[in-house]
Amino acid sequence: MRWKTSNILFAFLVSSCSSGTADLPDAGEEPFEEPAVEDGSDAVHDHVYDHDYDHDQDHPGTDRAADGENENVADEDAVSLCLVTDELVSCPYHTSTLETGAAGLIERDVHWMLPYGNPPAGGWPVVLIFQGSVFNPEHNWKGAQDDLYGAYYQVLVLKNLLDAGYAVLTPEAHLGGETFWDTNVPLYAGNWEAAPDHDFMLAIFQAIDDGVFGPVDSGSMYATGLSSGGYMTSRMAVSYPGRFKSLAIMAGSYATCAGLICSVPDPLPADHPPTLFLHGQNDLAVPISTMEPYEEKLRLMGIDTRKVINETCGHEWIPEAPDEVCNWFGLSP
C-alpha cells in the first residue's frame, strides 16, 4: 500500500434544533513536521501556521492526566487550533490519499489534524469520525449554525476532541464522500471482507502504524459518526475487535441496520466497546426505536452505555454532542 499527502486545503431528513469565542494559538514550534494545512477560508486559518511553535512550552489541555481520571477533557483555557463564533466553527486540516484494494488502484482520502502541543510518549490518541451519507467529510471541519444536519455541532465535536488532545481523522466515503459507507449495503453487510470499505479501513490502520498521520497511538483508538457514519461506527466493534476503546453513535444503530430496517443480533460481541448513543427524538430517517434495542442489549450484557436524547432534534448532530462525545471517550483512556 502507498499513500500521498496533498496540500489542498447527510443524506436523510433533518429538522432544526438548537455556542463561543476563538482561542488563537500562542507562538511556539510546530511539534510535528506536517504538510500544509487546508481550509475553505484562508482568512480564518492563516494564523494557525504563521507562528513558530515552542516544543518546550506547556500547552494546557494537551497533557494526559494520571490516576485513571477522565484524561481527555477540553480545558476552557487551552490553546485551540480552531476558530469558534456564535455562527461558525472552523478547524484546519491536512489531506492524505491512501491507495487501497488488492492492486492499490483505488485512491481514498483521509482528512486529519493533530492537537496543538507535544504528543504523549506513545503518540496522540486518535478518533475516527465517519461522515453521514453524501455529506463530504471536508464539512466536518467547517460548519455554520444554519447548515444542515447539525454541522455546527459536528465541527464543535471535532474541535473539542482536538483541544482535549485527540488526533482526528475523517475518512471519505466512496466517490469523494458523495455516497455512503458499505457497512449496511446488502452485498457487504454479511460479507464484510469483500467490502471496499474494509480494504480502506485496513489501509487506514496501516497508515496509522506507518506514521502517515504523525505520532498517533494505534492502541488508543475511538470512533464516532452520524447516520451512515453511525452504522460504520458500530462496524468498528463488529469487524475490528479489540481495536477501539470506545464508540459514540450519533443517529445510528447496529452496523447492518438501515433506517427503518433494523434487526440487532443477540448476542452482540462480548468485547463490544463502551458505547454512547446520541439521538434526536424527532429523527424520521433513523427512528430512535431502531437504536434503543442496540443500547439495551449492550447494557444487559454489562457493557457500559450512555443514552442522550434531544427532545426537539431530528436527524442531525445534537447540541449535546460536543461535550458528551469528548467526555465519553475520556472515560476509556
Protein backbone atom coordinates (compact mmCIF):
# COMPACT_ATOMS: atom_id res chain seq x y z
CA MET A 1 0.00 0.00 0.00
CA ARG A 2 1.21 3.51 -0.84
CA TRP A 3 -0.06 6.96 0.01
CA LYS A 4 0.44 10.57 -0.90
CA THR A 5 -0.28 13.70 1.10
CA SER A 6 -1.78 16.70 -0.66
CA ASN A 7 -1.57 20.37 0.17
CA ILE A 8 -5.20 21.09 -0.81
CA LEU A 9 -6.56 22.77 1.84
CA PHE A 10 -26.12 13.54 5.20
CA ALA A 11 -28.38 12.35 3.07
CA PHE A 12 -31.61 12.00 5.07
CA LEU A 13 -34.44 14.00 6.62
CA VAL A 14 -33.48 16.71 9.09
CA SER A 15 -35.30 19.07 11.40
CA SER A 16 -33.90 22.15 13.09
CA CYS A 17 -32.88 22.35 16.74
CA SER A 18 -30.94 24.39 18.92
CA SER A 19 -22.15 28.44 21.36
CA GLY A 20 -18.23 30.68 21.89
CA THR A 21 -15.13 32.67 21.15
CA ALA A 22 -11.91 31.71 19.46
CA ASP A 23 -8.70 30.78 21.27
CA LEU A 24 -5.79 31.65 18.99
CA PRO A 25 -2.59 29.60 19.22
CA ASP A 26 0.34 31.05 21.08
CA ALA A 27 3.74 31.27 19.44
CA GLY A 28 5.85 28.13 19.52
CA GLU A 29 7.48 25.48 17.33
CA GLU A 30 5.41 23.03 15.30
CA PRO A 31 5.72 19.68 17.15
CA PHE A 32 5.32 17.51 14.04
CA GLU A 33 6.57 18.39 10.56
CA GLU A 34 3.16 18.33 8.94
CA PRO A 35 2.15 19.05 5.35
CA ALA A 36 0.47 22.33 4.50
CA VAL A 37 -2.85 22.94 6.21
CA GLU A 38 -6.09 23.42 4.33
CA ASP A 39 -9.35 25.19 4.91
CA GLY A 40 -12.11 26.75 2.88
CA SER A 41 -11.35 30.19 4.28
CA ASP A 42 -7.78 31.47 4.23
CA ALA A 43 -8.79 34.40 6.39
CA VAL A 44 -9.84 32.05 9.17
CA HIS A 45 -6.79 29.83 9.36
CA ASP A 46 -3.72 31.68 8.19
CA HIS A 47 -2.99 32.29 11.88
CA VAL A 48 -2.51 28.63 12.68
CA TYR A 49 0.81 28.03 10.95
CA ASP A 50 2.16 31.56 10.77
CA HIS A 51 3.91 31.04 14.11
CA ASP A 52 6.93 29.10 15.31
CA TYR A 53 5.83 26.55 17.89
CA ASP A 54 7.79 26.05 21.08
CA HIS A 55 8.43 22.38 21.82
CA ASP A 56 9.20 23.15 25.44
CA GLN A 57 6.14 25.27 26.09
CA ASP A 58 3.37 23.65 28.14
CA HIS A 59 0.04 23.80 26.36
CA PRO A 60 -3.00 23.43 28.62
CA GLY A 61 -5.44 20.75 27.61
CA THR A 62 -2.98 18.52 25.76
CA ASP A 63 -1.38 16.68 28.67
CA ARG A 64 -2.95 13.38 29.69
CA ALA A 65 -3.89 13.02 33.34
CA ALA A 66 -2.77 10.19 35.59
CA ASP A 67 -4.59 8.04 38.15
CA GLY A 68 -7.36 6.88 35.81
CA GLU A 69 -9.19 10.18 35.73
CA ASN A 70 -11.08 11.49 32.72
CA GLU A 71 -7.89 12.39 30.88
CA ASN A 72 -9.01 13.97 27.64
CA VAL A 73 -11.46 16.71 28.51
CA ALA A 74 -11.02 20.04 26.78
CA ASP A 75 -9.68 22.80 29.00
CA GLU A 76 -11.54 26.10 28.56
CA ASP A 77 -8.20 27.94 28.81
CA ALA A 78 -6.38 25.63 26.39
CA VAL A 79 -4.87 26.81 23.14
CA SER A 80 -7.13 25.83 20.24
CA LEU A 81 -6.37 25.35 16.57
CA CYS A 82 -9.99 26.11 15.72
CA LEU A 83 -11.96 29.31 15.36
CA VAL A 84 -15.36 29.49 17.05
CA THR A 85 -18.02 32.18 16.86
CA ASP A 86 -21.74 32.04 17.59
CA GLU A 87 -22.32 31.41 13.88
CA LEU A 88 -19.33 29.39 12.66
CA VAL A 89 -16.83 26.75 13.74
CA SER A 90 -13.79 26.14 11.55
CA CYS A 91 -10.70 23.98 12.02
CA PRO A 92 -7.62 23.44 9.81
CA TYR A 93 -6.79 20.02 8.38
CA HIS A 94 -4.45 18.05 6.16
CA THR A 95 -5.45 15.57 3.45
CA SER A 96 -3.67 12.26 2.81
CA THR A 97 -4.57 9.97 -0.08
CA LEU A 98 -4.32 6.23 0.53
CA GLU A 99 -4.11 3.68 -2.28
CA THR A 100 -6.39 0.76 -1.41
CA GLY A 101 -7.60 -2.50 -2.89
CA ALA A 102 -5.64 -5.58 -3.93
CA ALA A 103 -3.73 -3.69 -6.63
CA GLY A 104 -3.63 -0.37 -4.82
CA LEU A 105 -5.55 1.27 -7.66
CA ILE A 106 -8.37 2.81 -5.64
CA GLU A 107 -7.50 6.14 -4.06
CA ARG A 108 -9.33 7.26 -0.92
CA ASP A 109 -8.79 10.48 1.02
CA VAL A 110 -8.44 10.96 4.77
CA HIS A 111 -8.61 14.47 6.24
CA TRP A 112 -6.80 14.77 9.56
CA MET A 113 -5.28 17.01 12.19
CA LEU A 114 -3.10 16.65 15.28
CA PRO A 115 -3.69 18.54 18.53
CA TYR A 116 -1.64 21.59 19.45
CA GLY A 117 1.40 20.78 21.59
CA ASN A 118 3.56 17.78 22.35
CA PRO A 119 2.23 14.21 21.99
CA PRO A 120 2.26 11.71 24.85
CA ALA A 121 5.11 9.19 24.80
CA GLY A 122 3.04 6.65 22.87
CA GLY A 123 1.52 9.20 20.49
CA TRP A 124 -1.80 11.02 20.41
CA PRO A 125 -4.98 9.00 20.98
CA VAL A 126 -6.91 9.09 17.72
CA VAL A 127 -10.59 9.47 16.84
CA LEU A 128 -12.10 8.42 13.51
CA ILE A 129 -15.18 10.47 12.57
CA PHE A 130 -17.26 8.77 9.88
CA GLN A 131 -19.32 11.03 7.65
CA GLY A 132 -23.04 10.73 7.02
CA SER A 133 -24.36 9.87 3.56
CA VAL A 134 -23.44 12.34 0.79
CA PHE A 135 -22.01 14.70 3.45
CA ASN A 136 -18.40 15.11 2.38
CA PRO A 137 -16.12 14.88 5.44
CA GLU A 138 -14.46 18.17 4.50
CA HIS A 139 -17.62 19.63 6.06
CA ASN A 140 -16.52 18.07 9.35
CA TRP A 141 -14.00 20.90 9.53
CA LYS A 142 -16.23 23.92 8.91
CA GLY A 143 -19.85 24.30 9.97
CA ALA A 144 -22.29 27.18 10.35
CA GLN A 145 -25.33 27.40 12.60
CA ASP A 146 -27.70 27.28 9.62
CA ASP A 147 -26.01 24.29 7.91
CA LEU A 148 -27.95 21.05 7.58
CA TYR A 149 -27.53 18.01 9.80
CA GLY A 150 -26.26 19.99 12.78
CA ALA A 151 -22.92 20.63 11.07
CA TYR A 152 -22.08 23.40 13.56
CA TYR A 153 -22.22 20.90 16.43
CA GLN A 154 -20.39 18.28 14.40
CA VAL A 155 -17.41 20.62 13.99
CA LEU A 156 -17.63 21.51 17.68
CA VAL A 157 -17.28 17.77 18.39
CA LEU A 158 -14.09 17.76 16.33
CA LYS A 159 -12.80 20.97 17.95
CA ASN A 160 -13.38 19.64 21.47
CA LEU A 161 -11.53 16.44 20.62
CA LEU A 162 -8.52 18.32 19.22
CA ASP A 163 -8.50 20.64 22.23
CA ALA A 164 -8.60 17.64 24.56
CA GLY A 165 -5.57 16.03 22.96
CA TYR A 166 -7.02 13.64 20.39
CA ALA A 167 -5.81 13.40 16.82
CA VAL A 168 -8.81 13.39 14.47
CA LEU A 169 -9.20 11.52 11.16
CA THR A 170 -12.21 11.99 8.87
CA PRO A 171 -12.06 9.42 6.03
CA GLU A 172 -14.15 9.91 2.90
CA ALA A 173 -16.84 7.50 1.78
CA HIS A 174 -16.91 6.43 -1.89
CA LEU A 175 -16.73 8.94 -4.74
CA GLY A 176 -15.05 11.64 -2.72
CA GLY A 177 -17.55 11.39 0.10
CA GLU A 178 -20.61 11.84 -2.12
CA THR A 179 -22.11 8.45 -1.23
CA PHE A 180 -22.26 6.33 1.94
CA TRP A 181 -20.44 3.54 3.80
CA ASP A 182 -20.60 -0.14 2.78
CA THR A 183 -21.47 -1.39 6.27
CA ASN A 184 -25.19 -1.90 5.65
CA VAL A 185 -25.13 -2.41 1.87
CA PRO A 186 -26.75 -5.85 1.35
CA LEU A 187 -23.87 -7.12 -0.80
CA TYR A 188 -21.37 -6.46 2.01
CA ALA A 189 -23.34 -6.37 5.27
CA GLY A 190 -22.82 -10.09 5.86
CA ASN A 191 -19.62 -10.41 3.80
CA TRP A 192 -17.54 -7.55 5.14
CA GLU A 193 -14.16 -8.87 3.97
CA ALA A 194 -15.35 -8.33 0.38
CA ALA A 195 -16.28 -4.69 1.03
CA PRO A 196 -14.12 -1.93 -0.46
CA ASP A 197 -14.53 -0.06 2.82
CA HIS A 198 -12.89 -2.99 4.62
CA ASP A 199 -9.85 -2.51 2.36
CA PHE A 200 -9.99 1.19 3.20
CA MET A 201 -10.04 0.51 6.93
CA LEU A 202 -7.05 -1.82 6.64
CA ALA A 203 -5.22 0.91 4.72
CA ILE A 204 -6.07 3.45 7.43
CA PHE A 205 -4.79 1.13 10.17
CA GLN A 206 -1.58 0.56 8.22
CA ALA A 207 -1.13 4.28 7.60
CA ILE A 208 -1.54 4.95 11.32
CA ASP A 209 1.14 2.38 12.10
CA ASP A 210 3.41 3.84 9.41
CA GLY A 211 3.15 7.37 10.80
CA VAL A 212 1.34 8.88 7.82
CA PHE A 213 -0.82 10.92 10.20
CA GLY A 214 2.03 11.80 12.53
CA PRO A 215 2.64 10.49 16.07
CA VAL A 216 -0.68 8.80 16.84
CA ASP A 217 -1.29 5.78 19.05
CA SER A 218 -2.88 2.80 17.27
CA GLY A 219 -3.51 1.29 20.70
CA SER A 220 -5.75 4.18 21.70
CA MET A 221 -8.44 4.48 19.03
CA TYR A 222 -12.03 5.76 19.18
CA ALA A 223 -14.80 6.23 16.61
CA THR A 224 -17.93 8.29 16.09
CA GLY A 225 -20.21 9.25 13.22
CA LEU A 226 -23.68 10.32 12.12
CA SER A 227 -26.25 8.25 10.23
CA SER A 228 -24.33 6.07 7.73
CA GLY A 229 -21.30 7.07 9.79
CA GLY A 230 -23.10 5.89 12.93
CA TYR A 231 -23.64 2.47 11.40
CA MET A 232 -19.99 2.49 10.32
CA THR A 233 -19.01 3.31 13.89
CA SER A 234 -20.84 0.17 15.01
CA ARG A 235 -18.95 -1.76 12.31
CA MET A 236 -15.72 -0.96 14.16
CA ALA A 237 -16.99 -3.09 17.09
CA VAL A 238 -18.31 -5.89 14.89
CA SER A 239 -15.40 -6.35 12.47
CA TYR A 240 -12.32 -4.98 14.26
CA PRO A 241 -12.48 -6.45 17.77
CA GLY A 242 -10.06 -5.01 20.27
CA ARG A 243 -9.00 -2.05 18.12
CA PHE A 244 -11.33 0.61 19.54
CA LYS A 245 -11.57 1.66 23.17
CA SER A 246 -14.91 3.44 22.95
CA LEU A 247 -17.59 4.42 20.43
CA ALA A 248 -20.16 7.21 20.06
CA ILE A 249 -23.05 6.60 17.65
CA MET A 250 -25.00 9.68 16.51
CA ALA A 251 -28.37 8.98 14.87
CA GLY A 252 -27.46 5.40 14.00
CA SER A 253 -27.75 1.84 15.23
CA TYR A 254 -26.19 -1.58 14.65
CA ALA A 255 -23.74 -1.99 11.75
CA THR A 256 -26.13 -3.78 9.37
CA CYS A 257 -29.25 -1.71 10.08
CA ALA A 258 -30.53 0.86 7.59
CA GLY A 259 -33.19 3.37 8.53
CA LEU A 260 -36.45 1.64 9.45
CA ILE A 261 -34.98 -1.78 8.64
CA CYS A 262 -33.11 -2.92 11.71
CA SER A 263 -32.51 -6.23 13.44
CA VAL A 264 -29.97 -6.19 16.25
CA PRO A 265 -28.41 -9.64 16.76
CA ASP A 266 -28.39 -11.43 20.07
CA PRO A 267 -25.86 -11.86 21.48
CA LEU A 268 -23.68 -8.96 20.49
CA PRO A 269 -19.87 -9.29 20.58
CA ALA A 270 -18.76 -9.89 24.15
CA ASP A 271 -15.84 -7.47 23.67
CA HIS A 272 -18.01 -4.68 22.24
CA PRO A 273 -16.51 -1.33 23.32
CA PRO A 274 -18.37 1.01 25.68
CA THR A 275 -20.83 2.94 23.53
CA LEU A 276 -22.51 6.33 23.75
CA PHE A 277 -25.78 6.69 21.83
CA LEU A 278 -26.98 10.16 20.82
CA HIS A 279 -30.27 10.71 19.04
CA GLY A 280 -32.91 13.27 18.16
CA GLN A 281 -36.37 12.32 19.35
CA ASN A 282 -37.86 13.52 16.04
CA ASP A 283 -35.49 11.58 13.78
CA LEU A 284 -37.60 10.23 10.90
CA ALA A 285 -34.69 8.81 8.90
CA VAL A 286 -33.24 6.62 11.67
CA PRO A 287 -36.05 6.31 14.21
CA ILE A 288 -34.98 6.23 17.83
CA SER A 289 -36.81 2.90 18.15
CA THR A 290 -34.10 1.28 16.00
CA MET A 291 -31.34 2.47 18.31
CA GLU A 292 -32.92 1.51 21.63
CA PRO A 293 -32.69 -2.32 21.26
CA TYR A 294 -28.97 -1.99 20.49
CA GLU A 295 -28.32 0.10 23.59
CA GLU A 296 -30.48 -2.15 25.77
CA LYS A 297 -28.78 -5.38 24.66
CA LEU A 298 -25.34 -3.94 25.33
CA ARG A 299 -26.42 -2.68 28.74
CA LEU A 300 -27.90 -6.06 29.70
CA MET A 301 -24.60 -7.68 28.71
CA GLY A 302 -22.85 -5.48 31.24
CA ILE A 303 -21.18 -3.25 28.63
CA ASP A 304 -21.03 0.42 29.56
CA THR A 305 -23.50 2.56 27.64
CA ARG A 306 -24.98 6.02 27.85
CA LYS A 307 -28.04 7.32 26.00
CA VAL A 308 -28.54 11.04 25.30
CA ILE A 309 -31.81 12.09 23.66
CA ASN A 310 -32.58 15.60 22.44
CA GLU A 311 -36.35 16.09 22.54
CA THR A 312 -36.55 18.60 19.65
CA CYS A 313 -33.91 17.47 17.14
CA GLY A 314 -34.33 15.30 14.09
CA HIS A 315 -31.70 13.55 12.00
CA GLU A 316 -28.67 15.64 12.89
CA TRP A 317 -25.83 16.22 15.32
CA ILE A 318 -27.44 17.40 18.54
CA PRO A 319 -26.18 20.34 20.67
CA GLU A 320 -25.23 17.97 23.49
CA ALA A 321 -22.81 16.02 21.28
CA PRO A 322 -19.66 18.19 21.56
CA ASP A 323 -19.37 17.74 25.33
CA GLU A 324 -20.89 14.27 25.53
CA VAL A 325 -18.60 12.65 22.94
CA CYS A 326 -15.41 14.15 24.35
CA ASN A 327 -16.34 13.28 27.93
CA TRP A 328 -17.36 9.73 26.96
CA PHE A 329 -14.07 8.98 25.22
CA GLY A 330 -12.20 10.40 28.20
CA LEU A 331 -13.70 7.68 30.39
CA SER A 332 -11.84 4.98 28.42
CA PRO A 333 -8.18 6.11 28.31
